[in-house]
Amino acid sequence: MNEFDEKQAIAAMNASIAGSGKQYDEDELLNIIDMIWDWYEDNGLLEIDTEADDEEVNVDALVKYVKKMLARDSDAQIDQADVEVLVMAELNYEQSL
């Protein structure tokens, strides 16, 4: 199993929106990654439970959370329309590990 690599996650996220001609700064995408992991923590998805199978991530709730957090960040440069695609790209990267 490979370890999570932020640079590879960022590359996957930017690749997911490349068709739109957009490219986001590394710091902007790291902010989203941090939000995703904060959401995992808040929802108990980082706890080790030997009896549980892989828990399903509620993607809709996660995307809603990231959008809400970005809306609160006056310095955020991420277009709200790109959030779902970026979150899905990060989740797909995680699944590839």
Protein backbone atom coordinates (compact mmCIF):
# COMPACT_ATOMS: atom_id res chain seq x y z
CA MET A 1 0.00 0.00 0.00
CA ASN A 2 1.35 3.40 -0.96
CA GLU A 3 1.32 6.33 1.40
CA PHE A 4 -0.73 9.46 0.82
CA ASP A 5 1.35 12.05 -1.03
CA GLU A 6 -0.01 15.61 -1.02
CA LYS A 7 1.78 16.52 -4.25
CA GLN A 8 0.22 13.55 -6.06
CA ALA A 9 -3.19 14.40 -4.63
CA ILE A 10 -2.81 18.00 -5.82
CA ALA A 11 -1.76 16.81 -9.28
CA ALA A 12 -4.83 14.55 -9.45
CA MET A 13 -7.09 17.39 -8.36
CA ASN A 14 -5.69 19.83 -10.93
CA ALA A 15 -5.86 17.12 -13.63
CA SER A 16 -9.57 16.69 -12.88
CA ILE A 17 -10.32 20.25 -13.97
CA ALA A 18 -7.68 20.56 -16.70
CA GLY A 19 -10.35 20.33 -19.40
CA SER A 20 -11.83 23.60 -18.17
CA GLY A 21 -8.51 25.37 -18.60
CA LYS A 22 -8.27 26.02 -14.87
CA GLN A 23 -5.37 25.35 -12.58
CA TYR A 24 -5.44 26.05 -8.85
CA ASP A 25 -2.55 27.03 -6.64
CA GLU A 26 -1.08 24.27 -4.48
CA ASP A 27 -2.06 26.10 -1.28
CA GLU A 28 -5.70 26.34 -2.39
CA LEU A 29 -5.86 22.60 -3.01
CA LEU A 30 -4.03 21.80 0.23
CA ASN A 31 -6.75 23.78 1.97
CA ILE A 32 -9.39 21.48 0.45
CA ILE A 33 -7.36 18.39 1.42
CA ASP A 34 -7.20 19.69 4.99
CA MET A 35 -10.97 20.26 4.96
CA ILE A 36 -11.57 16.71 3.75
CA TRP A 37 -9.41 15.26 6.53
CA ASP A 38 -11.05 17.54 9.11
CA TRP A 39 -14.43 16.22 7.96
CA TYR A 40 -13.14 12.64 8.28
CA GLU A 41 -12.02 13.37 11.83
CA ASP A 42 -15.28 15.10 12.77
CA ASN A 43 -17.22 12.09 11.49
CA GLY A 44 -15.08 9.44 13.18
CA LEU A 45 -13.63 8.11 9.94
CA LEU A 46 -10.03 8.30 11.14
CA GLU A 47 -10.60 6.02 14.12
CA ILE A 48 -9.20 2.52 13.81
CA ASP A 49 -11.94 -0.06 14.23
CA THR A 50 -10.81 -3.62 13.54
CA GLU A 51 -14.40 -4.87 13.30
CA ALA A 52 -15.61 -2.34 10.75
CA ASP A 53 -15.25 -2.67 7.02
CA ASP A 54 -14.32 0.35 4.98
CA GLU A 55 -16.92 2.91 5.88
CA GLU A 56 -18.68 4.67 3.08
CA VAL A 57 -17.96 8.35 2.76
CA ASN A 58 -21.10 10.45 2.39
CA VAL A 59 -19.81 12.37 -0.61
CA ASP A 60 -22.75 14.78 -0.70
CA ALA A 61 -22.20 15.74 2.95
CA LEU A 62 -18.45 16.06 2.39
CA VAL A 63 -18.88 18.32 -0.65
CA LYS A 64 -21.44 20.43 1.24
CA TYR A 65 -18.99 20.76 4.15
CA VAL A 66 -16.10 21.82 1.88
CA LYS A 67 -18.30 24.36 0.09
CA LYS A 68 -19.44 25.78 3.44
CA MET A 69 -15.87 26.06 4.72
CA LEU A 70 -14.65 27.69 1.50
CA ALA A 71 -17.52 30.20 1.64
CA ARG A 72 -16.30 31.22 5.10
CA ASP A 73 -12.75 31.74 3.83
CA SER A 74 -12.64 35.19 2.25
CA ASP A 75 -9.22 34.45 0.75
CA ALA A 76 -10.27 31.22 -0.98
CA GLN A 77 -9.88 31.30 -4.74
CA ILE A 78 -11.68 28.02 -5.50
CA ASP A 79 -14.76 28.32 -7.71
CA GLN A 80 -17.71 26.69 -5.90
CA ALA A 81 -18.63 25.00 -9.19
CA ASP A 82 -15.32 23.09 -9.09
CA VAL A 83 -15.60 21.81 -5.52
CA GLU A 84 -17.37 18.52 -6.23
CA VAL A 85 -14.96 17.61 -9.03
CA LEU A 86 -11.95 18.48 -6.87
CA VAL A 87 -13.26 16.52 -3.87
CA MET A 88 -14.02 13.50 -6.06
CA ALA A 89 -10.52 13.66 -7.55
CA GLU A 90 -9.01 13.63 -4.06
CA LEU A 91 -11.23 10.72 -3.01
CA ASN A 92 -10.32 8.79 -6.16
CA TYR A 93 -6.64 9.43 -5.45
CA GLU A 94 -7.10 8.03 -1.92
CA GLN A 95 -8.84 4.94 -3.32
CA SER A 96 -5.92 4.34 -5.69
CA LEU A 97 -3.52 3.88 -2.78
